Amino acid sequence: QNFNNAGKWHQKAAEKGNTDAQYFLGVIYETGKGVPQNTSKAFKWYKKAAEQGLPDAQYHLGEMYYKGRGVAQNYEKDYIWYHKAAAQNHTDAQNNLGDMYYKGIGTTRDYTEAGYWYNKAAEQGLAIAQNNLGIMYDSGYGMPPDFIKAYIWFSMAVANGIKEAETHRANLEHKMTPQQVTRAQTEAARLWKELSVN
């Protein structure tokens, strides 16, 4: 348990502007590991690292604004920080940004933008985004309905452990012809291999 020494080192490095150290301090203050939990201090350190462009810090700062932890809840600022992290390929931020567009939280409801961000995260293997993208294709929100693509993305989500996607996929099969199901299964297997290689 040499955490106190590590914490002191990170504190010094963070005060000198080291983004990784600033992010680390944000994490330990948010979780209370090795220090008393203090969401205000967590917010402070996440913000310093986020302002220097660290995507993980930008994502966590967005989370703090979304949940009102260490700062007053502010969906508009949450949106800004998720967007900054998402633009740097942070998959959780991409999915959460998709949620914000889908629900119209912190921004105008825009199903096309929601689908765009879900797709970015889904292609990088984020299971919940794969499920969300399947829902978009199934419902036709923001894109033309496409049962084959919906089936493919639900299958990816199932393979990645999202139980809810099994129900979505089973319900979807009732809307599809046997040929469509076979084609979707073949394409899902191909995509699974492709994503597993990357």
Protein backbone atom coordinates (compact mmCIF):
# COMPACT_ATOMS: atom_id res chain seq x y z
CA GLN A 1 0.00 0.00 0.00
CA ASN A 2 2.32 2.67 -1.29
CA PHE A 3 -0.65 4.59 -2.63
CA ASN A 4 0.04 7.72 -0.59
CA ASN A 5 3.47 8.09 -2.18
CA ALA A 6 1.99 7.50 -5.63
CA GLY A 7 -0.74 10.01 -4.85
CA LYS A 8 1.82 12.61 -3.79
CA TRP A 9 3.81 12.06 -6.98
CA HIS A 10 0.68 12.42 -9.10
CA GLN A 11 -0.32 15.55 -7.18
CA LYS A 12 3.04 17.19 -7.97
CA ALA A 13 2.91 16.12 -11.61
CA ALA A 14 -0.72 17.27 -11.93
CA GLU A 15 0.12 20.68 -10.51
CA LYS A 16 2.84 20.97 -13.17
CA GLY A 17 0.25 20.30 -15.89
CA ASN A 18 0.69 16.56 -16.55
CA THR A 19 -2.65 15.49 -18.04
CA ASP A 20 -2.32 11.81 -17.11
CA ALA A 21 -1.62 12.75 -13.49
CA GLN A 22 -4.55 15.18 -13.49
CA TYR A 23 -6.82 12.46 -14.83
CA PHE A 24 -5.48 9.97 -12.26
CA LEU A 25 -6.28 12.40 -9.44
CA GLY A 26 -9.76 12.85 -10.87
CA VAL A 27 -10.30 9.09 -10.77
CA ILE A 28 -9.02 8.60 -7.23
CA TYR A 29 -11.02 11.52 -5.86
CA GLU A 30 -14.16 10.32 -7.66
CA THR A 31 -13.80 6.72 -6.44
CA GLY A 32 -12.25 7.44 -3.03
CA LYS A 33 -9.45 4.92 -3.58
CA GLY A 34 -6.50 5.93 -1.42
CA VAL A 35 -8.00 9.33 -0.56
CA PRO A 36 -11.29 10.47 0.94
CA GLN A 37 -13.88 10.63 -1.83
CA ASN A 38 -14.34 14.20 -3.02
CA THR A 39 -16.34 14.76 -6.19
CA SER A 40 -15.55 18.48 -6.25
CA LYS A 41 -11.81 17.72 -6.38
CA ALA A 42 -12.47 14.99 -8.95
CA PHE A 43 -14.31 17.52 -11.11
CA LYS A 44 -11.45 20.02 -10.74
CA TRP A 45 -8.80 17.54 -11.93
CA TYR A 46 -10.89 16.06 -14.72
CA LYS A 47 -11.55 19.59 -15.98
CA LYS A 48 -7.85 20.47 -16.02
CA ALA A 49 -6.99 17.34 -18.02
CA ALA A 50 -10.05 17.71 -20.26
CA GLU A 51 -9.16 21.28 -21.16
CA GLN A 52 -5.79 19.98 -22.34
CA GLY A 53 -7.54 17.52 -24.66
CA LEU A 54 -7.38 14.17 -22.81
CA PRO A 55 -10.39 12.16 -24.12
CA ASP A 56 -10.85 10.03 -20.98
CA ALA A 57 -10.95 13.18 -18.87
CA GLN A 58 -13.36 14.84 -21.30
CA TYR A 59 -15.66 11.81 -21.06
CA HIS A 60 -15.54 11.77 -17.24
CA LEU A 61 -16.11 15.51 -17.11
CA GLY A 62 -19.20 14.97 -19.26
CA GLU A 63 -20.34 12.27 -16.82
CA MET A 64 -19.89 14.67 -13.88
CA TYR A 65 -22.05 17.28 -15.62
CA TYR A 66 -24.62 14.66 -16.60
CA LYS A 67 -24.98 13.26 -13.08
CA GLY A 68 -24.42 16.51 -11.21
CA ARG A 69 -21.44 15.04 -9.32
CA GLY A 70 -19.03 17.65 -7.98
CA VAL A 71 -20.78 20.31 -10.05
CA ALA A 72 -24.33 21.41 -10.80
CA GLN A 73 -26.04 19.18 -13.35
CA ASN A 74 -25.76 20.77 -16.79
CA TYR A 75 -26.76 18.77 -19.87
CA GLU A 76 -25.51 21.42 -22.29
CA LYS A 77 -21.98 21.25 -20.83
CA ASP A 78 -22.27 17.48 -20.64
CA TYR A 79 -23.02 17.47 -24.38
CA ILE A 80 -20.00 19.68 -25.12
CA TRP A 81 -17.56 17.41 -23.28
CA TYR A 82 -19.01 14.18 -24.63
CA HIS A 83 -18.71 15.67 -28.11
CA LYS A 84 -15.05 16.58 -27.58
CA ALA A 85 -14.24 13.04 -26.37
CA ALA A 86 -16.37 11.41 -29.07
CA ALA A 87 -14.52 13.36 -31.76
CA GLN A 88 -11.35 11.68 -30.46
CA ASN A 89 -12.90 8.18 -30.84
CA HIS A 90 -13.83 7.65 -27.19
CA THR A 91 -16.45 4.91 -27.65
CA ASP A 92 -18.39 5.47 -24.42
CA ALA A 93 -18.61 9.17 -25.23
CA GLN A 94 -19.77 8.36 -28.76
CA ASN A 95 -22.54 6.13 -27.42
CA ASN A 96 -23.59 8.65 -24.77
CA LEU A 97 -23.59 11.41 -27.37
CA GLY A 98 -25.83 9.19 -29.48
CA ASP A 99 -28.14 8.86 -26.47
CA MET A 100 -28.26 12.64 -26.06
CA TYR A 101 -29.23 13.12 -29.71
CA TYR A 102 -31.73 10.25 -29.50
CA LYS A 103 -33.46 11.66 -26.42
CA GLY A 104 -32.91 15.37 -27.13
CA ILE A 105 -30.99 15.92 -23.89
CA GLY A 106 -28.57 18.87 -23.92
CA THR A 107 -29.14 19.28 -27.65
CA THR A 108 -31.91 19.10 -30.22
CA ARG A 109 -33.31 15.62 -30.84
CA ASP A 110 -31.70 14.32 -34.04
CA TYR A 111 -32.05 10.63 -34.89
CA THR A 112 -29.62 10.89 -37.81
CA GLU A 113 -26.88 12.21 -35.52
CA ALA A 114 -27.76 9.58 -32.92
CA GLY A 115 -27.30 6.86 -35.53
CA TYR A 116 -24.01 8.39 -36.68
CA TRP A 117 -22.51 8.29 -33.18
CA TYR A 118 -23.92 4.86 -32.31
CA ASN A 119 -22.39 3.58 -35.54
CA LYS A 120 -18.96 5.05 -34.70
CA ALA A 121 -18.94 3.31 -31.32
CA ALA A 122 -20.51 0.08 -32.64
CA GLU A 123 -17.83 -0.31 -35.31
CA GLN A 124 -15.20 -0.06 -32.58
CA GLY A 125 -16.86 -2.93 -30.70
CA LEU A 126 -18.89 -1.18 -27.97
CA ALA A 127 -21.68 -3.66 -27.27
CA ILE A 128 -24.32 -1.23 -25.99
CA ALA A 129 -23.81 0.95 -29.08
CA GLN A 130 -24.23 -2.14 -31.27
CA ASN A 131 -27.58 -2.79 -29.59
CA ASN A 132 -28.58 0.86 -29.95
CA LEU A 133 -27.65 0.86 -33.64
CA GLY A 134 -29.73 -2.30 -34.12
CA ILE A 135 -32.70 -0.48 -32.59
CA MET A 136 -32.19 2.44 -34.98
CA TYR A 137 -32.14 0.17 -38.05
CA ASP A 138 -35.11 -1.85 -36.76
CA SER A 139 -37.25 1.23 -36.07
CA GLY A 140 -36.09 3.35 -39.00
CA TYR A 141 -35.28 6.29 -36.75
CA GLY A 142 -32.78 8.55 -38.51
CA MET A 143 -32.23 6.04 -41.32
CA PRO A 144 -34.28 3.84 -43.61
CA PRO A 145 -35.42 0.68 -41.81
CA ASP A 146 -33.08 -2.20 -42.59
CA PHE A 147 -33.89 -5.47 -40.87
CA ILE A 148 -30.75 -7.19 -42.10
CA LYS A 149 -28.48 -4.48 -40.64
CA ALA A 150 -30.55 -4.45 -37.45
CA TYR A 151 -30.15 -8.22 -37.14
CA ILE A 152 -26.40 -7.95 -37.74
CA TRP A 153 -25.92 -5.33 -35.03
CA PHE A 154 -28.16 -7.14 -32.56
CA SER A 155 -26.05 -10.26 -33.20
CA MET A 156 -22.85 -8.32 -32.49
CA ALA A 157 -24.37 -7.04 -29.26
CA VAL A 158 -25.48 -10.55 -28.24
CA ALA A 159 -21.99 -11.90 -28.92
CA ASN A 160 -20.63 -9.11 -26.72
CA GLY A 161 -22.93 -9.96 -23.80
CA ILE A 162 -25.97 -7.67 -24.18
CA LYS A 163 -28.95 -9.83 -23.12
CA GLU A 164 -31.52 -7.26 -24.24
CA ALA A 165 -30.27 -7.66 -27.82
CA GLU A 166 -31.36 -11.32 -27.81
CA THR A 167 -34.97 -10.22 -27.31
CA HIS A 168 -34.66 -7.54 -29.99
CA ARG A 169 -33.18 -10.05 -32.44
CA ALA A 170 -35.86 -12.67 -31.70
CA ASN A 171 -38.63 -10.11 -32.23
CA LEU A 172 -36.98 -8.94 -35.42
CA GLU A 173 -36.87 -12.47 -36.87
CA HIS A 174 -40.70 -12.47 -36.94
CA LYS A 175 -40.58 -9.53 -39.38
CA MET A 176 -38.01 -11.16 -41.67
CA THR A 177 -38.19 -13.84 -44.35
CA PRO A 178 -36.11 -17.00 -43.82
CA GLN A 179 -33.83 -15.83 -46.64
CA GLN A 180 -33.26 -12.48 -44.92
CA VAL A 181 -32.41 -14.24 -41.65
CA THR A 182 -29.91 -16.53 -43.41
CA ARG A 183 -28.31 -13.57 -45.19
CA ALA A 184 -28.15 -11.56 -41.95
CA GLN A 185 -26.56 -14.50 -40.08
CA THR A 186 -23.91 -14.86 -42.81
CA GLU A 187 -23.13 -11.14 -42.79
CA ALA A 188 -23.08 -11.05 -38.98
CA ALA A 189 -20.51 -13.89 -38.92
CA ARG A 190 -18.38 -12.02 -41.45
CA LEU A 191 -18.56 -8.77 -39.47
CA TRP A 192 -17.78 -10.60 -36.22
CA LYS A 193 -14.56 -11.96 -37.80
CA GLU A 194 -13.70 -8.54 -39.18
CA LEU A 195 -14.20 -6.78 -35.84
CA SER A 196 -12.37 -9.54 -33.94
CA VAL A 197 -9.27 -9.06 -36.11
CA ASN A 198 -9.21 -5.31 -35.37
